[in-house]
Protein backbone atom coordinates (compact mmCIF):
# COMPACT_ATOMS: atom_id res chain seq x y z
CA UNK A 1 0.00 0.00 0.00
CA UNK A 2 1.33 3.48 -0.87
CA UNK A 3 1.70 5.83 2.13
CA UNK A 4 -0.78 8.67 2.11
CA UNK A 5 0.35 12.27 1.94
CA UNK A 6 -1.05 12.89 5.43
CA UNK A 7 1.13 10.12 6.88
CA UNK A 8 4.12 11.56 5.06
CA UNK A 9 3.46 15.03 6.51
CA UNK A 10 3.04 13.53 9.98
CA UNK A 11 6.37 11.75 9.55
CA UNK A 12 8.06 15.04 8.68
CA UNK A 13 6.57 16.74 11.73
CA UNK A 14 7.72 13.92 14.02
CA UNK A 15 11.16 13.85 12.42
CA UNK A 16 11.53 17.61 12.84
CA UNK A 17 10.48 17.41 16.48
CA UNK A 18 12.91 14.59 17.24
CA UNK A 19 15.77 16.50 15.66
CA UNK A 20 15.05 19.56 17.76
CA UNK A 21 14.79 17.52 20.97
CA UNK A 22 18.10 15.83 20.27
CA UNK A 23 19.74 19.19 19.71
CA UNK A 24 20.67 18.31 16.13
CA UNK A 25 21.23 21.25 13.79
CA UNK A 26 19.37 21.07 10.50
CA UNK A 27 21.55 21.18 7.39
CA UNK A 28 21.03 24.34 5.37
CA UNK A 29 20.51 23.29 1.75
CA UNK A 30 22.15 26.55 0.63
CA UNK A 31 25.19 26.23 2.86
CA UNK A 32 28.45 25.47 1.01
CA UNK A 33 29.27 23.01 3.78
CA UNK A 34 25.95 21.19 3.61
CA UNK A 35 24.84 18.57 1.13
CA UNK A 36 22.17 19.51 -1.37
CA UNK A 37 18.76 18.28 -0.24
CA UNK A 38 16.28 17.43 -3.00
CA UNK A 39 12.55 16.82 -2.89
CA UNK A 40 10.99 14.71 -5.66
CA UNK A 41 7.24 14.44 -6.25
CA UNK A 42 6.26 11.60 -8.58
CA UNK A 43 3.79 11.73 -11.42
CA UNK A 44 0.59 9.65 -11.48
CA UNK A 45 1.53 5.98 -11.55
CA UNK A 46 4.33 6.52 -9.06
CA UNK A 47 7.49 4.58 -8.56
CA UNK A 48 7.45 1.13 -10.08
CA UNK A 49 5.98 2.20 -13.41
CA UNK A 50 9.18 0.95 -15.08
CA UNK A 51 9.00 4.10 -17.16
CA UNK A 52 8.95 7.87 -16.54
CA UNK A 53 8.85 7.91 -12.73
CA UNK A 54 11.43 5.19 -12.29
CA UNK A 55 13.79 7.04 -14.63
CA UNK A 56 13.49 10.22 -12.54
CA UNK A 57 14.17 8.30 -9.33
CA UNK A 58 17.15 6.60 -10.95
CA UNK A 59 18.58 9.99 -11.90
CA UNK A 60 18.58 11.10 -8.27
CA UNK A 61 20.06 7.81 -7.14
CA UNK A 62 22.93 8.40 -9.57
CA UNK A 63 23.33 11.97 -8.29
CA UNK A 64 23.42 10.70 -4.73
CA UNK A 65 26.07 8.09 -5.52
CA UNK A 66 28.16 10.49 -7.61
CA UNK A 67 27.83 13.73 -5.64
CA UNK A 68 26.54 12.78 -2.21
CA UNK A 69 23.25 14.67 -2.45
CA UNK A 70 20.29 13.58 -0.36
CA UNK A 71 16.69 13.32 -1.50
CA UNK A 72 13.23 12.33 -0.41
CA UNK A 73 10.30 11.41 -2.64
CA UNK A 74 6.54 11.13 -2.31
CA UNK A 75 3.71 9.98 -4.53
CA UNK A 76 0.48 11.92 -5.00
CA UNK A 77 -2.51 9.67 -4.45
CA UNK A 78 -5.17 8.67 -7.01
CA UNK A 79 -5.21 11.15 -9.87
CA UNK A 80 -2.68 13.35 -8.10
CA UNK A 81 -5.06 15.95 -6.70
CA UNK A 82 -2.71 16.47 -3.75
CA UNK A 83 0.38 17.24 -5.86
CA UNK A 84 0.11 20.94 -4.96
CA UNK A 85 0.18 20.11 -1.24
CA UNK A 86 3.16 17.81 -1.75
CA UNK A 87 5.12 20.49 -3.61
CA UNK A 88 4.26 23.07 -0.97
CA UNK A 89 5.40 20.80 1.86
CA UNK A 90 8.73 20.38 0.11
CA UNK A 91 8.99 24.14 -0.34
CA UNK A 92 8.44 25.01 3.33
CA UNK A 93 11.06 22.51 4.50
CA UNK A 94 14.19 24.60 5.25
CA UNK A 95 16.48 21.68 4.41
CA UNK A 96 15.29 21.25 0.83
CA UNK A 97 16.93 23.45 -1.78
CA UNK A 98 15.77 21.80 -5.02
CA UNK A 99 12.21 20.60 -5.68
CA UNK A 100 11.33 18.47 -8.70
CA UNK A 101 7.89 17.76 -10.13
CA UNK A 102 7.82 14.77 -12.46
CA UNK A 103 5.45 15.34 -15.35
CA UNK A 104 3.43 17.89 -17.28
CA UNK A 105 0.58 17.75 -14.74
CA UNK A 106 2.77 19.71 -12.29
CA UNK A 107 3.24 22.68 -14.63
CA UNK A 108 0.58 25.00 -13.23
CA UNK A 109 1.10 24.20 -9.55
CA UNK A 110 4.89 24.37 -9.65
CA UNK A 111 4.77 27.71 -11.47
CA UNK A 112 2.62 29.17 -8.71
CA UNK A 113 4.65 27.74 -5.84
CA UNK A 114 8.02 28.67 -7.35
CA UNK A 115 6.86 32.29 -7.45
CA UNK A 116 5.96 32.08 -3.75
CA UNK A 117 9.35 30.63 -2.74
CA UNK A 118 12.00 32.55 -4.71
CA UNK A 119 14.80 31.28 -2.45
CA UNK A 120 14.23 27.68 -3.59
CA UNK A 121 15.03 26.11 -6.96
CA UNK A 122 12.34 24.20 -8.84
CA UNK A 123 12.41 21.85 -11.83
CA UNK A 124 9.47 20.46 -13.79
CA UNK A 125 9.89 17.62 -16.26
CA UNK A 126 7.78 17.92 -19.43
CA UNK A 127 6.95 21.47 -18.39
CA UNK A 128 4.15 23.27 -20.22
CA UNK A 129 4.39 27.07 -20.24
CA UNK A 130 1.37 28.69 -18.65
CA UNK A 131 -0.53 31.15 -20.89
CA UNK A 132 -0.02 34.81 -19.94
CA UNK A 133 2.10 33.80 -16.90
CA UNK A 134 5.74 34.84 -16.58
CA UNK A 135 7.90 31.83 -15.75
CA UNK A 136 9.54 32.38 -12.33
CA UNK A 137 13.30 33.03 -12.36
CA UNK A 138 13.88 30.07 -10.00
CA UNK A 139 11.96 27.52 -12.09
CA UNK A 140 13.50 25.49 -14.90
CA UNK A 141 11.42 23.42 -17.27
CA UNK A 142 12.82 20.27 -18.82
CA UNK A 143 11.42 19.03 -22.11
CA UNK A 144 12.41 16.35 -24.58
CA UNK A 145 11.96 16.11 -28.33
CA UNK A 146 9.24 13.51 -28.07
CA UNK A 147 7.73 14.43 -31.42
CA UNK A 148 11.05 13.84 -33.17
CA UNK A 149 11.65 10.63 -31.26
CA UNK A 150 8.13 9.49 -32.12
CA UNK A 151 8.79 10.32 -35.78
CA UNK A 152 11.63 7.80 -35.65
CA UNK A 153 9.35 5.28 -33.93
CA UNK A 154 6.78 5.72 -36.69
CA UNK A 155 9.39 5.39 -39.42
CA UNK A 156 10.65 2.17 -37.86
CA UNK A 157 7.12 0.79 -37.51
CA UNK A 158 6.46 1.46 -41.22
CA UNK A 159 9.73 -0.24 -42.16
CA UNK A 160 8.98 -3.37 -40.14
CA UNK A 161 5.19 -3.83 -40.36
CA UNK A 162 3.95 -6.68 -42.53
CA UNK A 163 0.25 -5.83 -42.34
CA UNK A 164 0.77 -2.14 -43.21
CA UNK A 165 -1.35 -1.35 -40.15
CA UNK A 166 0.13 -0.04 -36.90
CA UNK A 167 -1.36 1.37 -33.71
CA UNK A 168 -0.84 4.13 -31.18
CA UNK A 169 -2.08 4.17 -27.58
CA UNK A 170 -1.68 7.29 -25.43
CA UNK A 171 -2.37 7.72 -21.75
CA UNK A 172 -4.05 11.03 -20.97
CA UNK A 173 -5.29 12.80 -24.09
CA UNK A 174 -3.27 16.03 -23.86
CA UNK A 175 -1.03 18.32 -25.90
CA UNK A 176 2.14 16.51 -24.81
CA UNK A 177 0.89 13.00 -25.61
CA UNK A 178 -0.61 14.28 -28.86
CA UNK A 179 2.97 15.11 -29.90
CA UNK A 180 3.80 11.42 -29.57
CA UNK A 181 0.82 10.45 -31.71
CA UNK A 182 1.34 13.05 -34.46
CA UNK A 183 5.09 12.43 -34.59
CA UNK A 184 4.46 8.69 -34.92
CA UNK A 185 1.94 9.17 -37.72
CA UNK A 186 4.22 11.59 -39.59
CA UNK A 187 7.17 9.20 -39.32
CA UNK A 188 5.17 6.20 -40.53
CA UNK A 189 3.80 8.10 -43.52
CA UNK A 190 7.24 9.51 -44.32
CA UNK A 191 8.23 5.92 -45.10
CA UNK A 192 4.92 4.79 -46.59
CA UNK A 193 1.96 7.17 -47.08
CA UNK A 194 -0.33 4.17 -47.36
CA UNK A 195 0.34 2.87 -43.85
CA UNK A 196 -2.81 2.83 -41.69
CA UNK A 197 -2.49 4.11 -38.11
CA UNK A 198 -5.12 3.22 -35.50
CA UNK A 199 -5.07 5.63 -32.55
CA UNK A 200 -6.60 5.39 -29.09
CA UNK A 201 -6.38 7.05 -25.68
CA UNK A 202 -6.93 5.56 -22.25
CA UNK A 203 -8.59 8.63 -20.72
CA UNK A 204 -8.88 12.37 -20.24
CA UNK A 205 -7.41 12.67 -16.72
CA UNK A 206 -4.16 11.84 -14.99
CA UNK A 207 -5.43 8.42 -13.92
CA UNK A 208 -5.07 7.37 -17.58
CA UNK A 209 -1.37 6.87 -16.87
CA UNK A 210 -2.12 4.25 -14.21
CA UNK A 211 -4.60 1.85 -15.83
CA UNK A 212 -2.77 -1.19 -17.28
CA UNK A 213 -6.04 -3.10 -17.67
CA UNK A 214 -7.43 -0.44 -20.02
CA UNK A 215 -4.13 -0.31 -21.86
CA UNK A 216 -4.28 -4.05 -22.44
CA UNK A 217 -7.90 -3.85 -23.61
CA UNK A 218 -7.19 -1.11 -26.15
CA UNK A 219 -4.09 -2.85 -27.45
CA UNK A 220 -5.86 -6.19 -27.90
CA UNK A 221 -8.48 -4.33 -29.91
CA UNK A 222 -5.87 -2.76 -32.19
CA UNK A 223 -4.03 -6.02 -32.71
CA UNK A 224 -7.38 -7.61 -33.49
CA UNK A 225 -7.97 -5.00 -36.19
CA UNK A 226 -4.77 -5.90 -38.01
CA UNK A 227 -2.06 -3.85 -36.32
CA UNK A 228 1.12 -5.87 -35.90
CA UNK A 229 3.00 -3.07 -34.08
CA UNK A 230 1.56 -0.75 -31.41
CA UNK A 231 3.38 2.31 -30.06
CA UNK A 232 2.43 3.13 -26.48
CA UNK A 233 3.00 6.41 -24.62
CA UNK A 234 0.96 5.67 -21.54
CA UNK A 235 3.13 5.56 -18.42
CA UNK A 236 2.26 2.64 -16.15
CA UNK A 237 -0.76 1.89 -18.37
CA UNK A 238 1.75 0.90 -21.04
CA UNK A 239 2.52 -2.25 -19.06
CA UNK A 240 -0.90 -3.50 -20.16
CA UNK A 241 -0.05 -2.76 -23.80
CA UNK A 242 3.14 -4.77 -23.43
CA UNK A 243 1.16 -7.68 -21.99
CA UNK A 244 -1.25 -7.51 -24.96
CA UNK A 245 1.68 -7.67 -27.38
CA UNK A 246 2.91 -10.82 -25.71
CA UNK A 247 -0.57 -12.37 -25.77
CA UNK A 248 -1.06 -11.45 -29.43
CA UNK A 249 2.45 -12.52 -30.39
CA UNK A 250 2.88 -9.08 -31.95
CA UNK A 251 5.29 -6.19 -31.46
CA UNK A 252 5.17 -3.12 -29.24
CA UNK A 253 7.21 0.09 -29.22
CA UNK A 254 7.62 1.48 -25.72
CA UNK A 255 8.51 4.90 -24.33
CA UNK A 256 10.70 6.70 -21.81
CA UNK A 257 12.91 3.73 -20.81
CA UNK A 258 14.09 0.54 -22.46
CA UNK A 259 11.26 -1.83 -21.58
CA UNK A 260 12.59 -4.88 -23.43
CA UNK A 261 12.93 -6.83 -20.15
CA UNK A 262 9.14 -6.70 -19.74
CA UNK A 263 8.55 -8.82 -22.86
CA UNK A 264 11.76 -10.11 -24.49
CA UNK A 265 11.25 -10.74 -28.19
CA UNK A 266 8.13 -8.57 -28.43
CA UNK A 267 9.55 -5.07 -27.83
CA UNK A 268 10.64 -3.76 -31.21
CA UNK A 269 12.31 -0.76 -29.58
CA UNK A 270 11.70 1.94 -26.98
CA UNK A 271 11.65 5.66 -27.71
CA UNK A 272 13.71 6.80 -24.76
CA UNK A 273 13.66 10.08 -22.87
CA UNK A 274 16.72 10.13 -20.64
CA UNK A 275 15.03 11.71 -17.64
CA UNK A 276 17.72 10.24 -15.40
CA UNK A 277 20.58 11.83 -17.36
CA UNK A 278 18.73 15.13 -17.65
CA UNK A 279 18.07 15.28 -13.91
CA UNK A 280 21.67 14.38 -13.11
CA UNK A 281 22.87 17.21 -15.35
CA UNK A 282 20.42 19.63 -13.75
CA UNK A 283 21.50 18.66 -10.23
CA UNK A 284 25.09 19.26 -11.26
CA UNK A 285 24.23 22.79 -12.41
CA UNK A 286 22.75 23.46 -8.97
CA UNK A 287 25.92 22.16 -7.33
CA UNK A 288 28.29 24.21 -9.49
CA UNK A 289 26.16 27.36 -9.41
CA UNK A 290 25.28 27.42 -13.11
CA UNK A 291 21.59 26.58 -12.67
CA UNK A 292 19.39 28.80 -14.85
CA UNK A 293 15.79 29.43 -13.99
CA UNK A 294 13.11 31.04 -16.08
CA UNK A 295 14.00 28.82 -19.02
CA UNK A 296 12.87 25.62 -20.66
CA UNK A 297 15.84 23.36 -21.34
CA UNK A 298 15.53 21.05 -24.33
CA UNK A 299 17.10 17.59 -24.20
CA UNK A 300 16.90 16.22 -27.72
CA UNK A 301 18.10 13.92 -30.46
CA UNK A 302 21.45 15.63 -30.98
CA UNK A 303 22.97 14.39 -27.73
CA UNK A 304 20.68 11.35 -27.65
CA UNK A 305 18.76 12.49 -24.57
CA UNK A 306 15.82 11.64 -26.82
CA UNK A 307 16.63 8.44 -28.69
CA UNK A 308 15.56 4.92 -29.56
CA UNK A 309 16.96 1.58 -28.44
CA UNK A 310 19.06 -0.51 -30.77
CA UNK A 311 21.24 -3.22 -29.27
CA UNK A 312 21.96 -6.92 -29.39
CA UNK A 313 18.57 -7.75 -27.87
CA UNK A 314 16.43 -6.17 -30.59
CA UNK A 315 18.82 -5.97 -33.56
CA UNK A 316 17.28 -9.03 -35.19
CA UNK A 317 13.79 -7.53 -34.91
CA UNK A 318 14.83 -4.22 -36.46
CA UNK A 319 17.33 -5.45 -39.05
CA UNK A 320 20.62 -3.85 -40.05
CA UNK A 321 19.28 -2.07 -43.15
CA UNK A 322 16.33 -0.63 -41.26
CA UNK A 323 18.66 0.58 -38.53
CA UNK A 324 20.92 2.25 -41.06
CA UNK A 325 17.95 3.98 -42.66
CA UNK A 326 16.66 5.08 -39.27
CA UNK A 327 20.05 6.53 -38.37
CA UNK A 328 20.10 8.44 -41.63
CA UNK A 329 16.67 9.89 -40.81
CA UNK A 330 17.82 10.80 -37.29
CA UNK A 331 20.84 12.69 -38.63
CA UNK A 332 18.71 14.56 -41.15
CA UNK A 333 16.28 15.60 -38.43
CA UNK A 334 19.17 16.90 -36.32
CA UNK A 335 20.60 18.90 -39.24
CA UNK A 336 17.19 20.19 -40.26
CA UNK A 337 17.11 18.45 -43.62
CA UNK A 338 13.99 16.69 -42.38
CA UNK A 339 11.74 19.12 -40.49
CA UNK A 340 9.78 17.86 -37.50
CA UNK A 341 8.28 20.91 -35.82
CA UNK A 342 8.34 20.44 -32.05
CA UNK A 343 6.89 23.91 -31.47
CA UNK A 344 3.73 23.35 -33.50
CA UNK A 345 0.60 23.53 -31.37
CA UNK A 346 -1.13 20.16 -31.23
CA UNK A 347 -4.85 20.32 -30.56
């Protein structure tokens, strides 16, 4: 059972009281002599999604091992209605100097709270700029080139499919996940305009990222309609899509992390967003004093922060010639010879 936010807050109160009674001095997160203290608030689906959240947690584990930082993490409950309270609790803790919200759903709340706590640094992964709101100088957004990465996923699907029908399953129907869908469709039709793409979404709220049963149901339906490859961008719900691929003896393209271990032989590739590497780099900018707020930092194809998996485990599924063609497409996207507009508004 996941601990509730109220229990977590009670734990912090007790811990603070014990420290004071024992005469222990709290470490100032801004003191040169103190270790950086980080607060991480997970996205819907939480730790164990083997995707987005796990990658963020892994990034802080690497930072802890490499630089000795400390961090705590909590998971909003249900659809994440208490994420604002979780962020605020992190912000009022005098020990915490860097607060991270994992996922686009934090964008509005973290913008508001960062403005209220200018002495703290904030980071939001997959940040969405708020209309008519000035981004606080202590908040940095992190975004990836998911549309370009999805273009590559679509191109690969069109190269490999035998039925000329492929599928897409998104979690929450939103502007960010729409970029995955549109990029995938554009990439598939770049290779073959006649390829049919079946699209579906799990839901309209944050809980759509934590419903593997619905993901499995949608995927089985798409495989049943002739798709032999399904691309999923659905967080923990994607685990259900992977299960459907195994049941249907078909292929799946995953997102965020390499999910080949979940279904060896059925994962064609994963369109990866190196959240762990991006967070490590961001933590290092805080440590060396080069952190820049008020900006949205892009981690893209050029340095392979956004990428796809090709290794000995899936090379036979992709094929050498297909990989070579995909690499050629990737290089042309990076140089601008092939234009994939990440800034285009997706309705």
